Amino acid sequence: MRPLPRLLLLSACLLGVSLRAAEAMPPEMIRPPEIVTPAAIQTIPAHPRLLADAARWAELRQLVQTSPTHRELYAFLRLSADALLQKPPVDYTPKRPGENILAIIRDAEDRIFTLAMMYRLSGDKQYLDGSLAVMRGLAATSWPEGHFLDPATACGSLAIGYDWLYDELSPAERDTFAAKIKTAGLELTTRNHTQLSFLWADFNWNQICNTGLTLGALAIADREPDLARYVVNRTIAMIPRVAAAYAPDGVYPEGPGYWAYGTSYHVMLIEALRSSLHTSHNLEKFPGFLESASVIDQVTGPSGGYFNYFDTRPGRTNQNLVYWFARETRRPDLATNELARLRQALADGKPKSSVGLAFALLWFPPPTPPASADSARPSAPLHWQGGGHQPVAILRSAWNDPAATWFAIKGGTANYSHGHMDSGSFVLEAGGVRWALDPEIEDYLDVRSRTGLTHGQFFSYAQDSQRWAHFRLGPEGNNLLR
């Protein structure tokens, strides 16, 4: 306990403030380096080839029979899939004026991933029929270009269904789905390049949009080899711009909530490249990237809640992409800890999504790690500091003690995606209570409706932006050292 107070002032002083400016369109957007060659596209494996090939699917079917943990995850996935089959069809009508349909498309994504995976693992036709119904509805829907997360996510979702269920599709269905991926996804990014700054951005849109497009490109590469090669090479050229944000220590600048969002697509991209082209092109080897899953544990307090800076809610949900990091870094303790959270979330009826359960099955590291609490965090420090755009410092008295004292503070700049004026903001827990906290984010559209701000005004991070007049986003609403 004694070292904590002595380090508080030091941590506050060491956390710097960084400034950034928007970058012009890189020339690689139009003419990316030819890393993926025509020969690589011509020899692309048969379907399925996204995230898992036929051999991996056979291995997974075996694991759900022989591995207790995989069997447990499979049972969780089946429960989720059965619940999805009882839901009404996806309605793509925005629920409120001015609202994008990303949440609706992510619902379709959840259904396609879950039901298609259940069909591949079980052979039960009800899951095939359910997945195909969602795919047909998604293909028949207009994907709005104005909010590109929508078409990018739809493109990747339809690509997964097309690839995983390819052998069950009729020739007409293959044509329909492939055409939609091409015209409503990939081809939108072959023109008006200067309007596509999100593809070279240093925040989550880069990861999500490029991954969705790359999944689409790899899915139809045998039909559209030149277009696929261009999209994949462009993605490989653009991803380093956002991956640099993990440096030097793995602190994701947009906060732990958006770490899960952006990084899950980054991981999907790595695995899709491996399964389709037999190489990740080193997209996992950026400084801080593999360390970022451990950082998420650091910014999680003894109560189980996040240090919720920027647009992050304090409650930590199950983050099943952590299983990939556990496998990749040979850290079974990461998997053990996350599996415990998943079991608790399921017991509480609060799993975030069944897409996460699909990820858990795909990436849970064999052999099954031990469940002993003694195996958790074998060498995690009690006092930790991470640099980067939004540096943080964490001080705690103990791990694995819900009553431990835990202090977290950040520096950085508000001029970043999902930024708040919260440099110097801190949270404090002790005795199982969060004594100093950061207010939760509010629904973006609710804030805009109440304030009259346009989308552009609300998401402007300039010094004189009207965004900062909103209480929870400006300095008045944050728990600052003053």
Protein backbone atom coordinates (compact mmCIF):
# COMPACT_ATOMS: atom_id res chain seq x y z
CA MET A 1 0.00 0.00 0.00
CA ARG A 2 2.77 2.52 0.89
CA PRO A 3 4.29 2.89 -2.59
CA LEU A 4 0.97 4.05 -4.06
CA PRO A 5 0.85 7.64 -2.74
CA ARG A 6 4.52 8.27 -3.55
CA LEU A 7 3.95 7.31 -7.17
CA LEU A 8 0.78 9.33 -7.79
CA LEU A 9 2.50 12.67 -8.39
CA LEU A 10 5.29 11.07 -10.42
CA SER A 11 2.76 9.34 -12.66
CA ALA A 12 0.83 12.54 -13.21
CA CYS A 13 4.01 14.37 -14.21
CA LEU A 14 5.21 11.67 -16.58
CA LEU A 15 1.98 11.40 -18.54
CA GLY A 16 2.51 13.69 -21.48
CA VAL A 17 0.26 15.54 -23.87
CA SER A 18 0.52 14.86 -27.60
CA LEU A 19 -0.82 16.77 -30.59
CA ARG A 20 -1.74 15.37 -33.98
CA ALA A 21 -2.93 16.56 -37.36
CA ALA A 22 -4.88 14.92 -40.14
CA GLU A 23 -2.77 13.40 -42.91
CA ALA A 24 -3.24 13.78 -46.64
CA MET A 25 -4.17 10.81 -48.77
CA PRO A 26 -1.17 8.51 -49.19
CA PRO A 27 -0.33 7.55 -52.79
CA GLU A 28 -0.57 3.87 -51.82
CA MET A 29 -4.35 4.30 -51.71
CA ILE A 30 -4.38 4.33 -55.52
CA ARG A 31 -1.24 2.33 -56.30
CA PRO A 32 -0.45 0.05 -53.36
CA PRO A 33 2.76 -1.99 -53.42
CA GLU A 34 2.23 -5.39 -55.02
CA ILE A 35 2.84 -7.49 -51.92
CA VAL A 36 0.16 -10.01 -52.86
CA THR A 37 0.98 -11.15 -56.39
CA PRO A 38 -1.32 -12.40 -59.14
CA ALA A 39 0.08 -15.89 -58.53
CA ALA A 40 -0.99 -15.75 -54.87
CA ILE A 41 -4.54 -14.91 -55.89
CA GLN A 42 -4.59 -17.54 -58.63
CA THR A 43 -3.61 -20.25 -56.14
CA ILE A 44 -5.97 -19.17 -53.36
CA PRO A 45 -7.49 -22.21 -51.59
CA ALA A 46 -11.00 -23.42 -52.21
CA HIS A 47 -13.85 -22.45 -49.89
CA PRO A 48 -13.95 -22.31 -46.93
CA ARG A 49 -10.89 -20.11 -46.63
CA LEU A 50 -11.82 -17.20 -44.32
CA LEU A 51 -10.54 -17.54 -40.74
CA ALA A 52 -10.58 -21.35 -40.99
CA ASP A 53 -10.01 -23.80 -43.83
CA ALA A 54 -11.51 -27.28 -44.20
CA ALA A 55 -8.80 -28.85 -42.05
CA ARG A 56 -9.37 -26.34 -39.25
CA TRP A 57 -13.13 -26.96 -39.33
CA ALA A 58 -12.49 -30.70 -39.02
CA GLU A 59 -10.18 -30.01 -36.07
CA LEU A 60 -12.83 -27.86 -34.38
CA ARG A 61 -15.45 -30.58 -34.78
CA GLN A 62 -13.02 -32.97 -33.10
CA LEU A 63 -12.21 -30.52 -30.31
CA VAL A 64 -15.85 -30.03 -29.33
CA GLN A 65 -15.95 -33.79 -28.79
CA THR A 66 -12.66 -34.20 -26.93
CA SER A 67 -11.80 -30.91 -25.19
CA PRO A 68 -13.92 -30.05 -22.12
CA THR A 69 -13.43 -26.33 -22.66
CA HIS A 70 -14.30 -26.44 -26.36
CA ARG A 71 -17.33 -28.58 -25.51
CA GLU A 72 -18.41 -25.94 -23.00
CA LEU A 73 -17.92 -23.10 -25.51
CA TYR A 74 -19.84 -25.08 -28.12
CA ALA A 75 -22.75 -25.52 -25.70
CA PHE A 76 -22.74 -21.76 -25.06
CA LEU A 77 -22.75 -21.11 -28.82
CA ARG A 78 -25.64 -23.50 -29.40
CA LEU A 79 -27.73 -21.77 -26.75
CA SER A 80 -27.05 -18.44 -28.42
CA ALA A 81 -27.79 -19.82 -31.89
CA ASP A 82 -31.07 -21.33 -30.73
CA ALA A 83 -32.08 -17.96 -29.27
CA LEU A 84 -31.24 -16.23 -32.57
CA LEU A 85 -33.50 -18.62 -34.47
CA GLN A 86 -36.42 -17.39 -32.37
CA LYS A 87 -35.86 -13.72 -33.18
CA PRO A 88 -37.87 -11.93 -35.87
CA PRO A 89 -36.13 -11.17 -39.19
CA VAL A 90 -33.65 -8.32 -39.21
CA ASP A 91 -35.41 -5.02 -39.96
CA TYR A 92 -33.02 -2.55 -41.59
CA THR A 93 -35.22 0.49 -40.96
CA PRO A 94 -33.46 3.07 -38.74
CA LYS A 95 -35.12 3.26 -35.35
CA ARG A 96 -34.77 7.05 -35.07
CA PRO A 97 -34.43 9.91 -37.58
CA GLY A 98 -30.80 10.56 -38.46
CA GLU A 99 -29.60 7.23 -37.12
CA ASN A 100 -27.26 5.02 -39.13
CA ILE A 101 -27.97 1.30 -39.39
CA LEU A 102 -24.64 0.02 -38.08
CA ALA A 103 -26.18 -1.58 -34.99
CA ILE A 104 -28.70 -3.35 -37.22
CA ILE A 105 -25.97 -4.61 -39.56
CA ARG A 106 -23.97 -5.81 -36.58
CA ASP A 107 -27.04 -7.78 -35.50
CA ALA A 108 -26.99 -9.42 -38.94
CA GLU A 109 -23.24 -10.02 -38.54
CA ASP A 110 -23.85 -11.71 -35.20
CA ARG A 111 -26.51 -13.98 -36.68
CA ILE A 112 -24.49 -14.96 -39.75
CA PHE A 113 -21.33 -15.77 -37.78
CA THR A 114 -23.18 -17.73 -35.12
CA LEU A 115 -25.63 -19.67 -37.26
CA ALA A 116 -23.11 -20.44 -40.03
CA MET A 117 -20.60 -21.69 -37.47
CA MET A 118 -23.23 -23.84 -35.77
CA TYR A 119 -24.13 -25.38 -39.12
CA ARG A 120 -20.51 -26.17 -39.95
CA LEU A 121 -19.96 -27.75 -36.54
CA SER A 122 -23.28 -29.59 -36.16
CA GLY A 123 -24.62 -30.16 -39.68
CA ASP A 124 -28.07 -29.20 -38.38
CA LYS A 125 -30.01 -27.69 -41.29
CA GLN A 126 -32.01 -25.28 -39.14
CA TYR A 127 -28.84 -23.24 -38.60
CA LEU A 128 -28.11 -23.24 -42.34
CA ASP A 129 -31.62 -22.02 -43.11
CA GLY A 130 -31.41 -19.35 -40.44
CA SER A 131 -28.08 -18.04 -41.69
CA LEU A 132 -29.21 -18.01 -45.33
CA ALA A 133 -32.33 -16.05 -44.42
CA VAL A 134 -30.18 -13.34 -42.84
CA MET A 135 -27.79 -13.32 -45.81
CA ARG A 136 -30.64 -12.91 -48.30
CA GLY A 137 -32.05 -10.02 -46.33
CA LEU A 138 -28.64 -8.35 -46.05
CA ALA A 139 -27.99 -8.75 -49.78
CA ALA A 140 -31.39 -7.23 -50.61
CA THR A 141 -30.76 -4.17 -48.41
CA SER A 142 -29.17 -0.92 -49.55
CA TRP A 143 -25.89 -0.39 -47.72
CA PRO A 144 -25.60 3.35 -46.97
CA GLU A 145 -22.34 4.82 -48.25
CA GLY A 146 -22.45 7.91 -46.04
CA HIS A 147 -21.43 6.00 -42.91
CA PHE A 148 -18.90 3.55 -44.29
CA LEU A 149 -18.76 1.33 -41.23
CA ASP A 150 -22.17 0.13 -42.44
CA PRO A 151 -21.21 -1.19 -45.90
CA ALA A 152 -17.81 -2.40 -44.70
CA THR A 153 -19.36 -4.45 -41.89
CA ALA A 154 -22.10 -5.73 -44.20
CA CYS A 155 -19.50 -6.68 -46.82
CA GLY A 156 -17.44 -8.67 -44.33
CA SER A 157 -20.50 -10.35 -42.83
CA LEU A 158 -21.86 -11.45 -46.19
CA ALA A 159 -18.38 -12.63 -47.17
CA ILE A 160 -18.17 -14.90 -44.12
CA GLY A 161 -21.54 -16.46 -44.88
CA TYR A 162 -20.69 -16.83 -48.56
CA ASP A 163 -17.40 -18.54 -47.75
CA TRP A 164 -18.45 -20.76 -44.85
CA LEU A 165 -21.66 -21.92 -46.56
CA TYR A 166 -20.38 -21.91 -50.14
CA ASP A 167 -21.01 -25.60 -50.78
CA GLU A 168 -24.65 -25.21 -49.69
CA LEU A 169 -25.41 -22.21 -51.92
CA SER A 170 -27.14 -22.54 -55.25
CA PRO A 171 -25.32 -21.07 -58.29
CA ALA A 172 -27.82 -18.21 -58.31
CA GLU A 173 -27.20 -17.45 -54.63
CA ARG A 174 -23.44 -17.47 -55.17
CA ASP A 175 -23.86 -14.99 -58.02
CA THR A 176 -26.16 -12.74 -55.98
CA PHE A 177 -23.98 -12.62 -52.89
CA ALA A 178 -20.72 -12.19 -54.84
CA ALA A 179 -22.24 -9.36 -56.90
CA LYS A 180 -23.41 -7.56 -53.76
CA ILE A 181 -19.97 -7.85 -52.16
CA LYS A 182 -18.41 -6.43 -55.30
CA THR A 183 -20.77 -3.57 -56.15
CA ALA A 184 -21.97 -2.45 -52.71
CA GLY A 185 -18.65 -2.99 -50.95
CA LEU A 186 -15.40 -3.27 -52.88
CA GLU A 187 -16.16 -1.02 -55.85
CA LEU A 188 -17.21 1.85 -53.59
CA THR A 189 -13.54 2.26 -52.68
CA THR A 190 -12.14 2.27 -56.22
CA ARG A 191 -13.24 5.86 -56.91
CA ASN A 192 -13.35 9.23 -55.12
CA HIS A 193 -10.30 8.18 -53.13
CA THR A 194 -9.88 11.52 -51.36
CA GLN A 195 -13.26 10.95 -49.68
CA LEU A 196 -12.07 7.68 -48.12
CA SER A 197 -9.81 9.06 -45.39
CA PHE A 198 -11.14 6.47 -42.93
CA LEU A 199 -9.18 3.83 -44.86
CA TRP A 200 -5.86 5.46 -43.93
CA ALA A 201 -6.92 6.82 -40.52
CA ASP A 202 -5.14 6.07 -37.25
CA PHE A 203 -8.30 4.96 -35.43
CA ASN A 204 -10.73 2.05 -35.45
CA TRP A 205 -12.45 2.84 -38.78
CA ASN A 206 -9.24 1.85 -40.58
CA GLN A 207 -9.26 -1.61 -39.01
CA ILE A 208 -12.99 -2.23 -39.35
CA CYS A 209 -13.45 -0.93 -42.90
CA ASN A 210 -10.28 -2.43 -44.36
CA THR A 211 -11.00 -5.79 -42.73
CA GLY A 212 -14.58 -5.91 -43.98
CA LEU A 213 -13.44 -5.07 -47.50
CA THR A 214 -10.59 -7.58 -47.37
CA LEU A 215 -12.91 -10.36 -46.23
CA GLY A 216 -15.08 -9.54 -49.22
CA ALA A 217 -12.10 -9.43 -51.57
CA LEU A 218 -10.73 -12.78 -50.41
CA ALA A 219 -14.19 -14.37 -50.57
CA ILE A 220 -14.66 -13.54 -54.26
CA ALA A 221 -10.99 -13.54 -55.31
CA ASP A 222 -11.54 -16.40 -57.75
CA ARG A 223 -14.24 -14.33 -59.49
CA GLU A 224 -12.55 -10.92 -59.28
CA PRO A 225 -8.80 -11.56 -59.00
CA ASP A 226 -7.59 -8.09 -60.00
CA LEU A 227 -10.04 -6.25 -57.75
CA ALA A 228 -9.25 -8.61 -54.87
CA ARG A 229 -5.51 -8.13 -55.25
CA TYR A 230 -5.88 -4.34 -55.28
CA VAL A 231 -8.06 -4.30 -52.15
CA VAL A 232 -5.84 -6.69 -50.20
CA ASN A 233 -2.63 -4.88 -51.14
CA ARG A 234 -4.19 -1.54 -50.24
CA THR A 235 -5.24 -2.90 -46.85
CA ILE A 236 -1.74 -4.21 -46.14
CA ALA A 237 -0.42 -0.73 -46.96
CA MET A 238 -2.99 1.13 -44.84
CA ILE A 239 -3.11 -0.97 -41.65
CA PRO A 240 0.33 0.20 -40.39
CA ARG A 241 -1.16 3.69 -40.01
CA VAL A 242 -3.55 2.55 -37.30
CA ALA A 243 -1.30 -0.20 -35.92
CA ALA A 244 1.30 2.43 -35.05
CA ALA A 245 -1.14 3.71 -32.42
CA TYR A 246 -0.48 0.65 -30.23
CA ALA A 247 3.13 1.72 -29.74
CA PRO A 248 5.08 1.63 -27.60
CA ASP A 249 3.31 -0.38 -24.90
CA GLY A 250 -0.10 -1.49 -26.22
CA VAL A 251 -2.31 1.35 -24.94
CA TYR A 252 -5.13 1.72 -27.49
CA PRO A 253 -5.70 5.48 -27.82
CA GLU A 254 -9.51 5.31 -28.09
CA GLY A 255 -9.93 3.54 -24.77
CA PRO A 256 -10.47 -0.08 -23.75
CA GLY A 257 -13.97 -0.30 -25.25
CA TYR A 258 -12.79 0.68 -28.70
CA TRP A 259 -9.72 -1.53 -28.28
CA ALA A 260 -12.10 -4.49 -28.36
CA TYR A 261 -13.95 -3.12 -31.40
CA GLY A 262 -11.01 -2.16 -33.59
CA THR A 263 -8.67 -4.93 -32.50
CA SER A 264 -11.21 -7.71 -33.08
CA TYR A 265 -11.30 -6.75 -36.77
CA HIS A 266 -7.52 -6.46 -36.88
CA VAL A 267 -7.30 -10.03 -35.57
CA MET A 268 -9.87 -11.20 -38.12
CA LEU A 269 -7.75 -9.63 -40.84
CA ILE A 270 -4.62 -11.45 -39.67
CA GLU A 271 -6.43 -14.78 -39.54
CA ALA A 272 -8.14 -14.29 -42.91
CA LEU A 273 -4.80 -13.57 -44.56
CA ARG A 274 -3.25 -16.62 -42.92
CA SER A 275 -6.06 -18.96 -43.93
CA SER A 276 -6.36 -17.59 -47.48
CA LEU A 277 -2.81 -16.56 -48.41
CA HIS A 278 -0.80 -18.56 -45.83
CA THR A 279 0.83 -15.46 -44.36
CA SER A 280 -0.23 -12.62 -42.08
CA HIS A 281 2.19 -10.24 -43.81
CA ASN A 282 3.41 -9.44 -40.27
CA LEU A 283 0.30 -7.44 -39.36
CA GLU A 284 0.57 -8.75 -35.80
CA LYS A 285 4.18 -7.60 -35.33
CA PHE A 286 3.69 -3.90 -34.72
CA PRO A 287 5.16 -2.60 -31.44
CA GLY A 288 2.63 -2.88 -28.65
CA PHE A 289 0.02 -4.85 -30.59
CA LEU A 290 0.51 -8.24 -28.95
CA GLU A 291 0.96 -6.57 -25.56
CA SER A 292 -2.39 -4.79 -25.82
CA ALA A 293 -4.44 -7.66 -24.35
CA SER A 294 -2.35 -7.48 -21.17
CA VAL A 295 -2.96 -3.73 -21.05
CA ILE A 296 -6.69 -4.41 -20.97
CA ASP A 297 -6.16 -6.35 -17.75
CA GLN A 298 -4.13 -3.45 -16.35
CA VAL A 299 -6.93 -0.93 -17.03
CA THR A 300 -9.48 -3.27 -15.42
CA GLY A 301 -9.91 -2.56 -11.73
CA PRO A 302 -10.38 -5.03 -8.86
CA SER A 303 -14.16 -4.57 -9.18
CA GLY A 304 -13.99 -5.84 -12.78
CA GLY A 305 -14.74 -2.41 -14.27
CA TYR A 306 -12.64 -0.49 -16.78
CA PHE A 307 -10.77 2.75 -16.42
CA ASN A 308 -13.37 4.17 -18.78
CA TYR A 309 -11.60 7.11 -20.36
CA PHE A 310 -12.86 8.48 -23.69
CA ASP A 311 -16.04 6.81 -25.01
CA THR A 312 -15.84 3.69 -22.85
CA ARG A 313 -18.44 2.31 -20.47
CA PRO A 314 -17.06 1.21 -17.09
CA GLY A 315 -18.43 -2.33 -17.16
CA ARG A 316 -16.00 -4.79 -18.73
CA THR A 317 -17.76 -7.26 -21.00
CA ASN A 318 -16.36 -10.61 -22.05
CA GLN A 319 -13.69 -9.99 -24.70
CA ASN A 320 -13.31 -13.24 -26.56
CA LEU A 321 -10.61 -11.95 -28.90
CA VAL A 322 -8.34 -12.28 -25.85
CA TYR A 323 -8.24 -16.02 -26.59
CA TRP A 324 -6.43 -15.21 -29.83
CA PHE A 325 -3.81 -13.22 -27.90
CA ALA A 326 -3.46 -16.05 -25.39
CA ARG A 327 -2.77 -18.47 -28.22
CA GLU A 328 -0.54 -16.09 -30.16
CA THR A 329 1.62 -15.10 -27.18
CA ARG A 330 1.48 -18.50 -25.43
CA ARG A 331 -0.08 -16.89 -22.38
CA PRO A 332 -2.62 -19.44 -21.08
CA ASP A 333 -3.32 -17.18 -18.10
CA LEU A 334 -5.01 -14.70 -20.45
CA ALA A 335 -7.37 -17.44 -21.64
CA THR A 336 -8.03 -18.68 -18.11
CA ASN A 337 -8.96 -15.21 -16.88
CA GLU A 338 -11.18 -14.46 -19.87
CA LEU A 339 -12.96 -17.81 -19.67
CA ALA A 340 -13.84 -17.03 -16.05
CA ARG A 341 -15.33 -13.70 -17.18
CA LEU A 342 -17.29 -15.42 -19.95
CA ARG A 343 -18.73 -17.96 -17.54
CA GLN A 344 -19.76 -15.17 -15.19
CA ALA A 345 -21.31 -13.14 -18.03
CA LEU A 346 -23.31 -16.15 -19.16
CA ALA A 347 -24.40 -16.88 -15.59
CA ASP A 348 -25.56 -13.26 -15.32
CA GLY A 349 -27.28 -13.44 -18.71
CA LYS A 350 -24.99 -10.74 -20.12
CA PRO A 351 -22.77 -12.15 -22.88
CA LYS A 352 -21.98 -9.28 -25.22
CA SER A 353 -22.59 -11.15 -28.47
CA SER A 354 -22.51 -14.61 -29.90
CA VAL A 355 -19.95 -13.43 -32.48
CA GLY A 356 -17.61 -13.42 -29.50
CA LEU A 357 -18.51 -17.02 -28.75
CA ALA A 358 -17.63 -17.91 -32.34
CA PHE A 359 -14.26 -16.20 -31.84
CA ALA A 360 -13.76 -18.12 -28.61
CA LEU A 361 -14.24 -21.44 -30.38
CA LEU A 362 -12.01 -20.44 -33.28
CA TRP A 363 -9.15 -19.18 -31.16
CA PHE A 364 -9.21 -20.82 -27.74
CA PRO A 365 -5.65 -22.12 -27.28
CA PRO A 366 -5.09 -25.85 -26.88
CA PRO A 367 -4.28 -27.52 -24.60
CA THR A 368 -6.94 -26.33 -22.16
CA PRO A 369 -5.18 -24.04 -19.66
CA PRO A 370 -5.46 -24.78 -15.95
CA ALA A 371 -8.29 -23.09 -14.08
CA SER A 372 -6.25 -22.40 -10.94
CA ALA A 373 -6.21 -18.79 -9.83
CA ASP A 374 -2.51 -19.26 -9.05
CA SER A 375 -1.87 -19.47 -12.80
CA ALA A 376 -3.36 -16.03 -13.48
CA ARG A 377 -1.08 -13.12 -14.38
CA PRO A 378 2.20 -14.87 -13.56
CA SER A 379 4.31 -11.73 -13.68
CA ALA A 380 1.96 -8.75 -14.09
CA PRO A 381 3.43 -5.72 -12.31
CA LEU A 382 1.58 -3.90 -9.56
CA HIS A 383 2.76 -0.54 -10.90
CA TRP A 384 2.63 -0.02 -14.65
CA GLN A 385 2.88 2.86 -17.11
CA GLY A 386 2.17 2.82 -20.84
CA GLY A 387 3.03 5.53 -23.34
CA GLY A 388 1.59 6.59 -26.67
CA HIS A 389 -1.13 9.01 -27.78
CA GLN A 390 -3.04 8.53 -24.51
CA PRO A 391 -0.50 7.46 -21.87
CA VAL A 392 -1.82 5.83 -18.72
CA ALA A 393 -0.38 4.81 -15.37
CA ILE A 394 -1.81 2.09 -13.15
CA LEU A 395 -1.00 1.48 -9.49
CA ARG A 396 -2.49 -1.39 -7.48
CA SER A 397 -1.85 -3.07 -4.16
CA ALA A 398 -2.56 -6.63 -5.36
CA TRP A 399 -3.97 -8.82 -8.12
CA ASN A 400 -6.79 -11.31 -7.56
CA ASP A 401 -8.16 -9.33 -4.61
CA PRO A 402 -11.50 -7.56 -5.21
CA ALA A 403 -10.81 -5.29 -2.22
CA ALA A 404 -7.38 -4.16 -3.50
CA THR A 405 -6.51 -0.50 -3.88
CA TRP A 406 -6.26 0.52 -7.54
CA PHE A 407 -5.48 3.92 -9.04
CA ALA A 408 -5.51 4.74 -12.77
CA ILE A 409 -4.68 8.06 -14.42
CA LYS A 410 -4.21 9.25 -18.02
CA GLY A 411 -2.55 12.02 -19.96
CA GLY A 412 -2.73 12.62 -23.70
CA THR A 413 -4.88 14.84 -25.86
CA ALA A 414 -8.58 15.35 -26.53
CA ASN A 415 -7.78 15.75 -30.24
CA TYR A 416 -8.30 12.09 -31.03
CA SER A 417 -11.15 9.86 -32.14
CA HIS A 418 -13.75 9.55 -29.35
CA GLY A 419 -11.75 12.02 -27.29
CA HIS A 420 -12.82 13.76 -24.10
CA MET A 421 -11.09 16.68 -22.39
CA ASP A 422 -9.86 14.28 -19.74
CA SER A 423 -6.08 14.65 -19.58
CA GLY A 424 -5.32 14.13 -15.91
CA SER A 425 -8.52 12.17 -15.34
CA PHE A 426 -8.27 9.40 -12.76
CA VAL A 427 -10.29 6.67 -11.07
CA LEU A 428 -9.73 5.09 -7.67
CA GLU A 429 -10.97 1.86 -6.12
CA ALA A 430 -10.41 0.53 -2.61
CA GLY A 431 -12.24 -1.96 -0.45
CA GLY A 432 -14.45 -3.05 -3.33
CA VAL A 433 -15.77 0.49 -3.98
CA ARG A 434 -14.97 2.88 -6.85
CA TRP A 435 -14.49 6.10 -4.92
CA ALA A 436 -13.41 8.32 -7.83
CA LEU A 437 -15.03 7.69 -11.20
CA ASP A 438 -15.39 8.91 -14.77
CA PRO A 439 -18.99 9.47 -15.98
CA GLU A 440 -20.37 6.99 -18.51
CA ILE A 441 -20.73 7.98 -22.15
CA GLU A 442 -24.17 8.86 -23.46
CA ASP A 443 -25.84 7.71 -26.64
CA TYR A 444 -24.39 9.85 -29.44
CA LEU A 445 -27.71 10.50 -31.17
CA ASP A 446 -29.38 11.44 -27.88
CA VAL A 447 -26.70 14.05 -27.25
CA ARG A 448 -26.96 15.43 -30.78
CA SER A 449 -30.76 15.58 -30.57
CA ARG A 450 -30.57 17.44 -27.27
CA THR A 451 -27.83 19.87 -28.32
CA GLY A 452 -28.73 20.38 -31.98
CA LEU A 453 -25.19 19.48 -33.08
CA THR A 454 -24.67 17.99 -36.51
CA HIS A 455 -22.67 14.79 -36.93
CA GLY A 456 -19.67 16.83 -38.08
CA GLN A 457 -19.91 19.24 -35.14
CA PHE A 458 -20.27 16.49 -32.56
CA PHE A 459 -17.30 14.52 -33.88
CA SER A 460 -15.01 17.53 -34.27
CA TYR A 461 -12.07 17.40 -31.88
CA ALA A 462 -10.72 20.88 -32.61
CA GLN A 463 -9.86 23.22 -29.75
CA ASP A 464 -12.96 25.36 -30.42
CA SER A 465 -15.33 22.46 -31.15
CA GLN A 466 -18.86 22.69 -29.79
CA ARG A 467 -18.37 19.10 -28.63
CA TRP A 468 -16.59 20.34 -25.51
CA ALA A 469 -19.63 22.29 -24.34
CA HIS A 470 -21.33 18.99 -23.53
CA PHE A 471 -20.81 18.30 -19.82
CA ARG A 472 -19.56 14.72 -20.04
CA LEU A 473 -17.11 15.46 -22.85
CA GLY A 474 -15.58 18.71 -21.63
CA PRO A 475 -13.31 19.17 -18.61
CA GLU A 476 -16.16 19.90 -16.17
CA GLY A 477 -17.53 16.37 -16.43
CA ASN A 478 -14.24 14.55 -16.01
CA ASN A 479 -12.49 13.66 -12.77
CA LEU A 480 -9.41 15.80 -13.34
CA LEU A 481 -6.47 16.69 -11.15
CA ARG A 482 -6.96 20.45 -10.83
